[in-house]
Protein backbone atom coordinates (compact mmCIF):
# COMPACT_ATOMS: atom_id res chain seq x y z
CA UNK A 1 -4.46 -15.30 15.49
CA UNK A 2 -3.84 -13.94 12.07
CA UNK A 3 -5.96 -15.50 8.84
CA UNK A 4 -4.73 -19.07 7.65
CA UNK A 5 -3.39 -17.45 4.54
CA UNK A 6 -1.11 -14.81 6.39
CA UNK A 7 0.06 -17.90 8.34
CA UNK A 8 0.96 -19.52 5.34
CA UNK A 9 2.74 -16.84 3.49
CA UNK A 10 4.76 -16.06 6.64
CA UNK A 11 5.79 -20.05 6.99
CA UNK A 12 6.21 -20.28 2.94
CA UNK A 13 8.76 -17.26 2.91
CA UNK A 14 10.45 -18.41 5.93
CA UNK A 15 11.08 -21.83 4.61
CA UNK A 16 12.11 -20.47 0.97
CA UNK A 17 14.55 -17.96 2.51
CA UNK A 18 16.24 -20.51 4.31
CA UNK A 19 17.30 -22.28 1.37
CA UNK A 20 18.21 -19.55 -0.45
CA UNK A 21 21.69 -19.20 0.96
CA UNK A 22 22.74 -22.48 -0.14
CA UNK A 23 21.54 -21.77 -3.65
CA UNK A 24 23.67 -18.48 -3.68
CA UNK A 25 26.54 -20.42 -2.61
CA UNK A 26 26.34 -22.83 -5.33
CA UNK A 27 25.87 -20.09 -7.70
CA UNK A 28 29.22 -18.18 -6.61
CA UNK A 29 31.04 -20.94 -6.80
CA UNK A 30 30.32 -21.12 -10.63
CA UNK A 31 29.89 -17.62 -11.83
CA UNK A 32 31.42 -14.19 -10.40
CA UNK A 33 28.93 -13.01 -7.47
CA UNK A 34 28.70 -9.46 -8.76
CA UNK A 35 27.48 -11.33 -12.35
CA UNK A 36 25.13 -13.92 -10.76
CA UNK A 37 23.48 -10.93 -8.64
CA UNK A 38 22.76 -8.64 -11.35
CA UNK A 39 21.74 -11.42 -13.69
CA UNK A 40 19.24 -12.61 -10.65
CA UNK A 41 18.18 -8.50 -10.70
CA UNK A 42 17.49 -8.24 -14.27
CA UNK A 43 15.40 -11.60 -14.48
CA UNK A 44 13.76 -11.13 -11.42
CA UNK A 45 12.95 -7.60 -12.71
CA UNK A 46 11.54 -8.46 -16.01
CA UNK A 47 9.61 -11.32 -15.25
CA UNK A 48 7.69 -9.39 -12.61
CA UNK A 49 7.10 -6.10 -14.97
CA UNK A 50 5.94 -9.27 -17.30
CA UNK A 51 3.57 -10.45 -14.95
CA UNK A 52 2.25 -7.20 -13.71
CA UNK A 53 1.89 -5.83 -17.06
CA UNK A 54 -0.03 -9.36 -17.73
CA UNK A 55 -2.53 -8.41 -14.80
CA UNK A 56 -2.89 -4.73 -15.46
CA UNK A 57 -1.84 -4.04 -11.78
CA UNK A 58 -0.68 -0.47 -11.39
CA UNK A 59 2.81 0.66 -10.79
CA UNK A 60 3.49 2.86 -7.83
CA UNK A 61 2.19 6.01 -8.99
CA UNK A 62 3.41 9.73 -7.31
CA UNK A 63 6.99 10.80 -6.67
CA UNK A 64 7.10 9.73 -2.78
CA UNK A 65 5.91 6.05 -3.49
CA UNK A 66 8.02 5.91 -6.49
CA UNK A 67 11.34 7.08 -4.51
CA UNK A 68 10.49 4.93 -1.71
CA UNK A 69 10.07 1.86 -3.99
CA UNK A 70 13.39 2.39 -5.68
CA UNK A 71 15.22 3.27 -2.30
CA UNK A 72 13.96 0.04 -0.81
CA UNK A 73 15.18 -1.79 -3.58
CA UNK A 74 18.47 -0.60 -3.68
CA UNK A 75 19.06 -0.95 0.26
CA UNK A 76 16.98 -4.28 0.73
CA UNK A 77 17.70 -6.12 -2.94
CA UNK A 78 20.66 -4.45 -4.56
CA UNK A 79 23.18 -3.76 -1.30
CA UNK A 80 22.17 -6.96 0.39
CA UNK A 81 22.64 -8.89 -2.60
CA UNK A 82 25.84 -7.50 -3.56
CA UNK A 83 27.20 -8.15 0.47
CA UNK A 84 25.82 -11.50 0.95
CA UNK A 85 27.30 -13.01 -3.20
CA UNK A 86 30.46 -11.27 -2.70
CA UNK A 87 30.48 -12.83 1.43
CA UNK A 88 29.51 -16.25 0.23
CA UNK A 89 33.28 -16.88 -1.55
CA UNK A 90 34.48 -16.36 1.91
CA UNK A 91 32.25 -17.37 4.61
CA UNK A 92 29.86 -20.49 4.36
CA UNK A 93 26.00 -20.16 3.27
CA UNK A 94 24.90 -20.94 6.73
CA UNK A 95 27.05 -18.44 8.71
CA UNK A 96 26.07 -15.38 6.38
CA UNK A 97 22.21 -16.34 7.27
CA UNK A 98 23.15 -15.68 10.98
CA UNK A 99 24.04 -12.11 10.72
CA UNK A 100 20.31 -11.70 9.29
CA UNK A 101 19.25 -12.59 12.61
CA UNK A 102 19.84 -9.27 13.99
CA UNK A 103 17.62 -7.28 11.68
CA UNK A 104 14.52 -7.67 14.25
CA UNK A 105 16.55 -5.87 16.95
CA UNK A 106 17.38 -2.90 14.71
CA UNK A 107 13.43 -3.20 13.01
CA UNK A 108 12.03 -3.11 16.93
CA UNK A 109 14.48 -0.20 17.60
CA UNK A 110 12.99 1.87 14.66
CA UNK A 111 9.84 0.93 15.09
CA UNK A 112 9.72 2.02 18.35
CA UNK A 113 9.86 5.65 17.14
CA UNK A 114 8.68 5.16 13.83
CA UNK A 115 5.77 2.62 13.47
CA UNK A 116 2.25 3.39 15.46
CA UNK A 117 1.45 0.64 17.48
CA UNK A 118 4.93 -1.63 17.23
CA UNK A 119 6.11 -0.54 20.77
CA UNK A 120 9.33 -1.54 22.49
CA UNK A 121 7.82 -3.91 25.75
CA UNK A 122 9.89 -5.60 28.80
CA UNK A 123 8.48 -9.00 27.28
CA UNK A 124 9.53 -8.02 23.50
CA UNK A 125 12.78 -7.11 24.60
CA UNK A 126 13.16 -10.62 26.50
CA UNK A 127 11.44 -12.30 23.75
CA UNK A 128 13.58 -11.06 21.03
CA UNK A 129 16.74 -11.66 22.87
CA UNK A 130 16.23 -15.17 23.72
CA UNK A 131 15.01 -16.07 20.51
CA UNK A 132 17.99 -14.36 18.90
CA UNK A 133 20.63 -15.90 21.75
CA UNK A 134 18.81 -19.31 21.22
CA UNK A 135 19.44 -19.63 17.53
CA UNK A 136 22.80 -18.78 17.69
CA UNK A 137 23.65 -20.70 20.87
CA UNK A 138 21.83 -23.95 19.40
CA UNK A 139 23.13 -24.01 15.95
CA UNK A 140 26.61 -22.70 16.62
CA UNK A 141 28.15 -21.47 13.75
CA UNK A 142 30.40 -22.50 11.00
CA UNK A 143 33.93 -21.95 10.21
CA UNK A 144 34.36 -18.91 8.13
CA UNK A 145 37.52 -17.82 5.89
CA UNK A 146 40.44 -16.31 7.53
CA UNK A 147 42.32 -13.13 6.10
CA UNK A 148 41.21 -10.02 4.83
CA UNK A 149 38.45 -10.61 2.97
CA UNK A 150 36.63 -12.69 5.57
CA UNK A 151 37.26 -9.97 7.81
CA UNK A 152 35.72 -7.52 5.67
CA UNK A 153 32.82 -10.00 4.66
CA UNK A 154 32.17 -10.40 8.34
CA UNK A 155 32.12 -6.30 8.89
CA UNK A 156 29.91 -6.03 5.56
CA UNK A 157 27.42 -9.04 6.95
CA UNK A 158 27.46 -7.34 10.44
CA UNK A 159 25.95 -3.66 8.92
CA UNK A 160 23.54 -5.27 6.64
CA UNK A 161 20.62 -6.11 9.00
CA UNK A 162 20.64 -2.01 9.67
CA UNK A 163 19.45 -1.52 6.05
CA UNK A 164 17.12 -4.39 6.12
CA UNK A 165 15.60 -2.64 9.26
CA UNK A 166 15.09 0.62 7.52
CA UNK A 167 13.50 -0.97 4.39
CA UNK A 168 11.17 -2.77 6.85
CA UNK A 169 10.09 0.77 8.16
CA UNK A 170 9.92 2.30 5.02
CA UNK A 171 7.62 -0.84 3.57
CA UNK A 172 5.22 -0.82 6.75
CA UNK A 173 5.02 2.96 6.73
CA UNK A 174 5.06 3.49 2.96
CA UNK A 175 4.05 0.76 0.61
CA UNK A 176 1.66 -0.99 2.75
CA UNK A 177 -1.70 -0.29 0.22
CA UNK A 178 0.66 -0.66 -3.24
CA UNK A 179 0.43 -3.71 -5.64
CA UNK A 180 3.13 -6.19 -4.65
CA UNK A 181 3.99 -7.01 -7.65
CA UNK A 182 5.02 -3.96 -9.72
CA UNK A 183 6.25 -2.29 -6.66
CA UNK A 184 8.72 -4.93 -6.04
CA UNK A 185 9.80 -5.08 -9.91
CA UNK A 186 10.48 -1.05 -9.39
CA UNK A 187 12.82 -2.02 -6.59
CA UNK A 188 14.74 -4.71 -8.56
CA UNK A 189 15.26 -2.64 -11.31
CA UNK A 190 16.62 0.07 -9.15
CA UNK A 191 18.98 -2.60 -7.38
CA UNK A 192 19.99 -3.79 -11.21
CA UNK A 193 21.19 -0.15 -11.63
CA UNK A 194 23.35 -0.61 -8.18
CA UNK A 195 24.76 -4.19 -9.46
CA UNK A 196 25.34 -3.26 -13.17
CA UNK A 197 28.60 -1.73 -12.46
CA UNK A 198 29.83 -4.23 -10.27
CA UNK A 199 28.90 -6.54 -12.62
CA UNK A 200 30.92 -4.86 -15.61
CA UNK A 201 33.74 -5.08 -13.31
CA UNK A 202 33.69 -9.08 -13.25
CA UNK A 203 32.84 -9.86 -16.90
CA UNK A 204 36.24 -10.47 -17.78
CA UNK A 205 36.15 -13.27 -14.80
CA UNK A 206 36.22 -17.14 -15.58
CA UNK A 207 32.07 -18.01 -15.82
CA UNK A 208 30.83 -21.29 -15.94
CA UNK A 209 27.07 -21.58 -15.85
CA UNK A 210 26.78 -25.46 -15.08
CA UNK A 211 23.58 -27.14 -14.57
CA UNK A 212 23.63 -26.55 -10.94
CA UNK A 213 24.53 -22.82 -10.95
CA UNK A 214 21.84 -22.78 -13.43
CA UNK A 215 19.00 -24.67 -11.06
CA UNK A 216 20.01 -22.74 -8.36
CA UNK A 217 19.38 -19.37 -10.34
CA UNK A 218 16.06 -20.42 -11.38
CA UNK A 219 15.31 -21.02 -8.06
CA UNK A 220 16.45 -17.92 -6.85
CA UNK A 221 14.54 -15.53 -9.21
CA UNK A 222 11.52 -17.22 -9.06
CA UNK A 223 10.81 -18.59 -5.31
CA UNK A 224 13.39 -16.70 -3.70
CA UNK A 225 12.60 -13.20 -4.97
CA UNK A 226 9.63 -13.30 -7.50
CA UNK A 227 7.61 -15.57 -4.59
CA UNK A 228 9.54 -14.32 -1.41
CA UNK A 229 9.75 -10.66 -2.02
CA UNK A 230 6.21 -10.13 -3.32
CA UNK A 231 4.76 -12.48 -0.22
CA UNK A 232 6.86 -10.31 2.10
CA UNK A 233 5.69 -6.95 1.06
CA UNK A 234 2.32 -7.93 0.95
CA UNK A 235 2.61 -9.58 4.75
CA UNK A 236 3.20 -5.66 5.99
CA UNK A 237 -0.38 -5.27 5.28
CA UNK A 238 -1.02 -7.70 8.01
CA UNK A 239 1.47 -7.69 10.35
CA UNK A 240 4.27 -5.28 12.06
CA UNK A 241 7.75 -4.71 10.59
CA UNK A 242 9.26 -6.62 13.64
CA UNK A 243 6.94 -9.19 13.30
CA UNK A 244 7.96 -9.87 9.62
CA UNK A 245 11.77 -9.52 10.02
CA UNK A 246 11.55 -12.26 12.76
CA UNK A 247 11.92 -14.59 9.61
CA UNK A 248 15.49 -13.64 9.75
CA UNK A 249 15.56 -15.63 13.56
CA UNK A 250 13.75 -18.45 11.76
CA UNK A 251 16.04 -18.49 8.59
CA UNK A 252 19.25 -19.50 10.06
CA UNK A 253 18.84 -23.16 11.33
CA UNK A 254 17.65 -24.01 8.08
CA UNK A 255 20.38 -22.75 6.10
CA UNK A 256 23.08 -24.22 8.20
CA UNK A 257 21.43 -27.99 8.00
CA UNK A 258 21.10 -27.36 4.00
CA UNK A 259 24.89 -25.91 4.02
CA UNK A 260 26.11 -28.80 6.15
CA UNK A 261 24.19 -31.57 5.03
CA UNK A 262 24.12 -30.73 1.08
CA UNK A 263 26.96 -28.65 0.52
CA UNK A 264 29.10 -29.80 3.43
CA UNK A 265 30.04 -26.87 5.26
CA UNK A 266 31.71 -27.72 8.68
CA UNK A 267 29.58 -26.40 11.90
CA UNK A 268 31.95 -25.73 14.89
CA UNK A 269 30.65 -24.51 18.39
CA UNK A 270 33.88 -23.28 19.11
CA UNK A 271 33.76 -20.23 16.69
CA UNK A 272 30.49 -18.93 18.30
CA UNK A 273 32.04 -16.94 20.87
CA UNK A 274 34.55 -14.98 18.33
CA UNK A 275 31.61 -14.41 15.72
CA UNK A 276 29.79 -12.95 18.12
CA UNK A 277 32.15 -10.71 19.25
CA UNK A 278 33.07 -9.51 15.88
CA UNK A 279 29.48 -8.61 15.35
CA UNK A 280 29.25 -6.71 18.56
CA UNK A 281 32.34 -4.80 17.69
CA UNK A 282 30.68 -3.70 14.36
CA UNK A 283 27.45 -2.68 15.98
CA UNK A 284 25.24 -5.92 15.26
CA UNK A 285 25.11 -7.62 18.31
CA UNK A 286 22.10 -7.58 20.35
CA UNK A 287 21.58 -5.14 23.03
CA UNK A 288 18.12 -5.81 24.21
CA UNK A 289 16.34 -8.03 21.61
CA UNK A 290 16.68 -8.83 17.71
CA UNK A 291 17.21 -9.82 8.12
CA UNK A 292 15.21 -11.07 2.26
CA UNK A 293 15.46 -13.13 -1.14
């Protein structure tokens, strides 16, 4: 049994990340998605940098460690936020979270070959498969937008968990001993560089920073990333990468509940088969067992 603080950290991250999808939806309803994502990245990176300096925590040292911290930020934050924020214009927030539940599949496969002590077993395969399948079947899938944009969003969301799995392996192998706060700051600065040109492209579009979008932004910055990403990186010292990415199997139930009750997003069981077929066609469906912000 893991120590109580590990369990508390794990549960806290799962609960917070389950609510961030609705906050993103609120934000992109008022602000262009890439502008909103870039602003979040800059705010997070700046805040964590200030905290790290104030606490005198060491930033990543060595070319390899610095490079890996930046790569993790690029694929786990920058790439993922670009996909998620843009997709939530066309896809209900709850459904977007369902795609992330495939992350443990890819993590388990990669960890089998790359992480000592995190091997595949028959029990793990069955457990991860049942966990992912049960989540989708029990909660169903919300109605998603039709058309080309919705299809592109579906494809990108199906591919996104692969990058989460790669980031999980990199963090487990190379970032277990680093200070989480400055390391996440470095990764988020890298993600800001990735998001910057996309944000510049959308700057001419109308922006309406309402009270709701400002509150959603603050929640995403403080809790979704500054707390969530820092604690999740700390958890890699204590847990296997597959165990950590299993958070993404817990997230959809809360995300869909919030999306349905708070945002009025539809939930229809009939969409389940269609969405799972699309996921399979993109290589994201579970074949043996089973993302964040």
